[in-house]
Amino acid sequence: MLARMEIRPINAPDAPAAAAAYSQAVEVVDATRTLYVSGQVGVDPSGDVPADAVEQNRLAWSNLAAQLRAAGMTLDNLVRYTTILPDVADLPAVRSVRAEFLGERRPGSTLIVAGLANPAWKVEIEGVAVA
């Protein structure tokens, strides 16, 4: 009999609450595969980079989801992600698009405000998924 994998969000009652829509910690039980997804940016398959932060965020999440699909996984398998944002003014775009893609899912998350390799990029998102 195969064990069933479980992803359990953890938010300790004696620590501060999460500052946004994520879990403070995520416990994974009985996973057999782990996928580490490199940073995905807001570039479409033809190499075009939209100027708009919202569209770049949608593309970055779409590209992350594509990498998950290629491994036979979905966003339900995502247990942690990191968002790198060069301009904190684009945080509303990050939050609104994240909500579109993750809905009620609450993986662990870190936001880093720092420059990216290409100045046209407005976001980069990397992730860890389990199955």
Protein backbone atom coordinates (compact mmCIF):
# COMPACT_ATOMS: atom_id res chain seq x y z
CA MET A 1 0.00 0.00 0.00
CA LEU A 2 1.38 3.38 -1.00
CA ALA A 3 1.49 6.16 1.56
CA ARG A 4 -0.48 9.25 0.63
CA MET A 5 1.51 12.45 0.48
CA GLU A 6 0.27 15.23 2.73
CA ILE A 7 1.07 18.95 2.55
CA ARG A 8 0.23 20.67 5.82
CA PRO A 9 0.46 24.46 6.30
CA ILE A 10 1.75 25.51 9.71
CA ASN A 11 1.25 28.90 11.35
CA ALA A 12 2.48 28.77 14.94
CA PRO A 13 0.03 30.40 17.36
CA ASP A 14 2.88 31.83 19.44
CA ALA A 15 4.60 33.61 16.52
CA PRO A 16 3.47 36.58 14.42
CA ALA A 17 0.87 35.90 11.74
CA ALA A 18 1.89 35.73 8.10
CA ALA A 19 2.06 39.20 6.54
CA ALA A 20 0.21 38.11 3.38
CA ALA A 21 -1.33 35.05 1.71
CA TYR A 22 1.23 32.37 2.59
CA SER A 23 2.01 29.88 5.35
CA GLN A 24 4.78 30.48 7.88
CA ALA A 25 5.90 26.87 7.39
CA VAL A 26 4.82 23.89 5.31
CA GLU A 27 5.24 20.28 6.39
CA VAL A 28 5.40 17.57 3.73
CA VAL A 29 4.79 13.96 4.73
CA ASP A 30 5.39 10.92 2.51
CA ALA A 31 6.54 12.75 -0.64
CA THR A 32 8.58 10.67 -3.06
CA ARG A 33 9.68 13.40 -5.49
CA THR A 34 10.96 16.96 -5.07
CA LEU A 35 11.19 19.48 -7.90
CA TYR A 36 13.30 22.64 -7.65
CA VAL A 37 12.14 25.20 -10.22
CA SER A 38 14.68 27.84 -11.21
CA GLY A 39 13.61 31.47 -11.32
CA GLN A 40 10.93 32.10 -13.94
CA VAL A 41 10.57 35.60 -15.38
CA GLY A 42 7.86 37.49 -17.25
CA VAL A 43 8.93 36.47 -20.73
CA ASP A 44 6.66 34.72 -23.25
CA PRO A 45 7.79 31.67 -25.27
CA SER A 46 8.83 33.89 -28.21
CA GLY A 47 11.12 35.92 -25.92
CA ASP A 48 8.91 39.01 -25.69
CA VAL A 49 8.91 40.93 -22.40
CA PRO A 50 5.79 43.01 -21.75
CA ALA A 51 6.38 46.40 -20.12
CA ASP A 52 3.47 45.93 -17.69
CA ALA A 53 4.20 44.48 -14.21
CA VAL A 54 0.87 42.63 -14.05
CA GLU A 55 1.48 40.88 -17.38
CA GLN A 56 5.05 40.01 -16.42
CA ASN A 57 3.79 38.48 -13.17
CA ARG A 58 1.19 36.44 -15.07
CA LEU A 59 3.87 35.19 -17.44
CA ALA A 60 6.25 34.33 -14.59
CA TRP A 61 3.53 32.31 -12.82
CA SER A 62 2.51 30.70 -16.13
CA ASN A 63 6.12 29.74 -16.78
CA LEU A 64 6.43 28.28 -13.27
CA ALA A 65 3.21 26.30 -13.83
CA ALA A 66 4.60 25.07 -17.18
CA GLN A 67 7.72 23.71 -15.45
CA LEU A 68 5.49 21.94 -12.91
CA ARG A 69 3.37 20.42 -15.72
CA ALA A 70 6.52 19.20 -17.47
CA ALA A 71 7.29 17.24 -14.28
CA GLY A 72 3.73 15.91 -13.97
CA MET A 73 2.82 18.33 -11.18
CA THR A 74 0.50 21.33 -10.67
CA LEU A 75 0.42 24.36 -8.42
CA ASP A 76 -1.15 22.05 -5.81
CA ASN A 77 2.33 20.49 -5.46
CA LEU A 78 4.04 23.84 -4.79
CA VAL A 79 5.22 24.00 -1.17
CA ARG A 80 7.49 27.04 -1.32
CA TYR A 81 8.28 29.89 -3.67
CA THR A 82 10.48 32.96 -3.69
CA THR A 83 9.58 36.18 -5.48
CA ILE A 84 12.33 38.60 -6.45
CA LEU A 85 11.04 42.08 -7.14
CA PRO A 86 13.29 44.94 -8.28
CA ASP A 87 10.72 47.68 -7.55
CA VAL A 88 8.61 47.47 -4.38
CA ALA A 89 6.04 49.70 -6.13
CA ASP A 90 5.10 46.59 -8.15
CA LEU A 91 4.05 44.72 -4.99
CA PRO A 92 0.30 45.20 -5.71
CA ALA A 93 0.81 43.46 -9.09
CA VAL A 94 2.65 40.61 -7.35
CA ARG A 95 -0.14 40.13 -4.82
CA SER A 96 -3.05 40.32 -7.28
CA VAL A 97 -1.53 37.89 -9.77
CA ARG A 98 -0.39 35.52 -7.03
CA ALA A 99 -4.03 35.38 -5.87
CA GLU A 100 -5.16 34.56 -9.43
CA PHE A 101 -2.79 31.61 -9.63
CA LEU A 102 -2.73 30.30 -6.07
CA GLY A 103 -6.28 31.00 -4.92
CA GLU A 104 -6.57 29.51 -1.44
CA ARG A 105 -3.27 27.61 -1.63
CA ARG A 106 -0.80 28.83 1.00
CA PRO A 107 2.74 27.58 0.26
CA GLY A 108 5.67 29.00 2.17
CA SER A 109 6.94 32.23 0.61
CA THR A 110 9.74 34.77 0.67
CA LEU A 111 9.80 38.15 -1.07
CA ILE A 112 13.16 39.69 -1.89
CA VAL A 113 13.49 43.25 -3.18
CA ALA A 114 16.62 43.22 -5.36
CA GLY A 115 17.79 43.80 -8.90
CA LEU A 116 17.50 41.21 -11.66
CA ALA A 117 19.92 40.29 -14.46
CA ASN A 118 17.86 42.07 -17.13
CA PRO A 119 16.58 45.57 -16.27
CA ALA A 120 13.42 44.93 -18.34
CA TRP A 121 12.35 42.13 -15.96
CA LYS A 122 9.92 43.21 -13.24
CA VAL A 123 9.72 39.89 -11.36
CA GLU A 124 11.35 36.49 -10.97
CA ILE A 125 9.68 33.55 -9.19
CA GLU A 126 11.32 30.28 -8.19
CA GLY A 127 9.68 27.35 -6.46
CA VAL A 128 9.90 23.99 -4.74
CA ALA A 129 7.24 21.35 -5.38
CA VAL A 130 6.72 17.83 -4.06
CA ALA A 131 4.78 14.79 -5.18
